[in-house]
N, C-alpha and C. Protein backbone atom coordinates (compact mmCIF):
# COMPACT_ATOMS: atom_id res chain seq x y z
N PRO A 1 83.29 138.23 113.87
CA PRO A 1 83.06 137.18 112.57
C PRO A 1 84.28 136.82 111.97
N GLY A 2 85.31 137.46 111.68
CA GLY A 2 86.62 137.12 111.12
C GLY A 2 87.46 135.97 112.40
N THR A 3 86.84 136.11 113.35
CA THR A 3 87.19 135.00 114.63
C THR A 3 86.49 133.70 114.11
N ILE A 4 85.39 133.63 114.10
CA ILE A 4 84.70 132.61 113.47
C ILE A 4 84.86 131.78 112.14
N ASN A 5 85.36 133.15 111.25
CA ASN A 5 85.69 132.10 110.00
C ASN A 5 86.87 131.69 110.14
N THR A 6 87.78 132.00 110.90
CA THR A 6 89.17 131.08 111.29
C THR A 6 88.48 129.81 112.01
N GLY A 7 87.77 129.67 112.65
CA GLY A 7 87.87 128.48 113.45
C GLY A 7 86.99 127.65 112.61
N VAL A 8 86.07 128.22 112.00
CA VAL A 8 85.12 127.22 110.72
C VAL A 8 86.77 126.93 109.63
N VAL A 9 87.76 127.75 109.25
CA VAL A 9 88.49 127.17 108.17
C VAL A 9 89.29 126.40 109.26
N LEU A 10 89.83 126.60 110.22
CA LEU A 10 90.74 125.89 110.91
C LEU A 10 90.42 124.34 111.54
N THR A 11 88.94 124.37 111.05
CA THR A 11 88.44 122.66 111.65
C THR A 11 88.43 121.80 110.86
N PRO A 12 88.50 122.07 109.57
CA PRO A 12 88.12 121.36 108.59
C PRO A 12 89.78 121.00 108.21
N LEU A 13 90.51 121.94 108.30
CA LEU A 13 91.96 121.60 108.02
C LEU A 13 92.54 120.94 109.00
N ILE A 14 92.27 120.96 110.18
CA ILE A 14 92.58 119.98 111.78
C ILE A 14 92.41 118.67 111.45
N VAL A 15 90.83 118.47 110.52
CA VAL A 15 89.90 117.01 110.21
C VAL A 15 90.59 116.82 109.38
N SER A 16 91.36 117.62 108.12
CA SER A 16 92.29 116.79 107.09
C SER A 16 93.03 116.28 107.48
N LEU A 17 94.16 117.19 108.38
CA LEU A 17 95.54 116.53 108.86
C LEU A 17 95.23 115.57 109.64
N ASN A 18 94.24 115.28 110.47
CA ASN A 18 93.94 113.96 110.89
C ASN A 18 93.89 112.86 109.76
N VAL A 19 92.82 113.03 109.04
CA VAL A 19 92.53 112.20 108.11
C VAL A 19 94.23 111.45 107.37
N VAL A 20 95.29 112.71 107.07
CA VAL A 20 96.13 112.93 106.35
C VAL A 20 97.58 112.06 107.09
N LEU A 21 97.08 112.28 108.09
CA LEU A 21 98.21 111.54 109.60
C LEU A 21 97.90 110.35 109.39
N ARG A 22 96.76 109.59 109.16
CA ARG A 22 95.89 108.13 109.89
C ARG A 22 96.35 107.47 108.33
N THR A 23 96.53 108.38 107.39
CA THR A 23 96.60 107.84 105.80
C THR A 23 97.91 107.49 105.78
N SER A 24 98.84 108.30 106.41
CA SER A 24 100.54 108.34 106.17
C SER A 24 101.02 107.16 107.15
N HIS A 25 100.30 106.91 108.18
CA HIS A 25 100.62 105.88 109.28
C HIS A 25 100.38 104.71 108.11
N MET A 26 99.40 104.46 107.25
CA MET A 26 99.10 103.26 107.06
C MET A 26 99.85 102.98 105.00
N ASN A 27 100.54 104.68 105.03
CA ASN A 27 101.21 104.69 103.75
C ASN A 27 103.02 104.14 103.96
N PRO A 28 103.62 104.59 104.82
CA PRO A 28 104.92 104.41 104.74
C PRO A 28 105.32 102.99 104.66
N PRO A 29 104.38 102.28 105.25
CA PRO A 29 104.37 100.65 104.97
C PRO A 29 104.72 100.03 103.80
N LYS A 30 104.11 100.74 102.83
CA LYS A 30 103.55 100.65 101.44
C LYS A 30 104.85 101.19 100.82
N LEU A 31 105.46 102.21 101.29
CA LEU A 31 106.80 103.10 100.40
C LEU A 31 108.30 102.34 100.75
N PRO A 32 108.41 101.90 101.57
CA PRO A 32 109.23 101.16 101.93
C PRO A 32 109.91 99.80 100.90
N PRO A 33 108.44 98.89 100.76
CA PRO A 33 108.76 97.50 100.08
C PRO A 33 109.47 98.19 98.35
N ARG A 34 108.78 99.67 98.07
CA ARG A 34 109.21 99.86 96.47
C ARG A 34 110.58 100.44 97.05
N ARG A 35 111.60 100.46 97.84
CA ARG A 35 112.72 101.00 97.90
C ARG A 35 113.59 100.03 97.87
N ASP A 36 112.75 98.53 98.49
CA ASP A 36 113.45 97.81 98.10
C ASP A 36 114.10 96.77 97.05
N PRO A 37 112.72 97.01 96.21
CA PRO A 37 113.40 96.61 94.60
C PRO A 37 114.46 97.08 94.02
N PRO A 38 114.64 98.32 94.03
CA PRO A 38 115.84 99.06 93.54
C PRO A 38 117.08 98.32 93.93
N PRO A 39 117.31 97.89 95.13
CA PRO A 39 118.87 97.25 95.52
C PRO A 39 119.21 96.23 94.74
N VAL A 40 117.62 95.58 94.05
CA VAL A 40 117.93 94.25 93.57
C VAL A 40 118.51 94.00 92.29
N PRO A 41 118.43 95.16 91.73
CA PRO A 41 119.22 95.35 90.04
C PRO A 41 120.77 95.09 90.48
N PRO A 42 121.43 95.73 91.50
CA PRO A 42 122.88 95.97 91.86
C PRO A 42 122.94 93.80 91.67
N ARG A 43 122.07 92.96 92.12
CA ARG A 43 122.69 91.89 92.07
C ARG A 43 123.22 91.41 90.91
N PRO A 44 122.26 91.74 89.49
CA PRO A 44 122.82 91.20 88.45
C PRO A 44 124.84 91.47 88.06
N ASP A 45 124.82 92.80 88.79
CA ASP A 45 126.40 93.14 88.25
C ASP A 45 127.21 92.24 88.93
N ASN A 46 126.87 91.64 90.39
CA ASN A 46 127.89 90.62 91.30
C ASN A 46 127.90 89.32 90.11
N HIS A 47 127.55 89.12 89.21
CA HIS A 47 127.03 88.09 88.58
C HIS A 47 128.37 88.22 87.28
N SER A 48 128.04 89.44 87.12
CA SER A 48 128.87 89.54 85.42
C SER A 48 130.38 90.21 86.39
N ASN A 49 130.37 90.63 87.91
CA ASN A 49 131.99 90.48 88.02
C ASN A 49 132.45 89.21 88.05
N PRO A 50 132.17 88.13 88.50
CA PRO A 50 132.66 86.84 88.58
C PRO A 50 133.01 86.33 87.30
């Protein structure tokens, strides 16, 4: 019974991981764009330098 329980618990975990991995592949593209905006603020500094 213990072995069957582990299999029953592992199956959902594997499925969850697969879903997370598939979602991760779609999430990364959305994360990089959010890191690009920060570099924009430094531009105002350039205007202040001249």
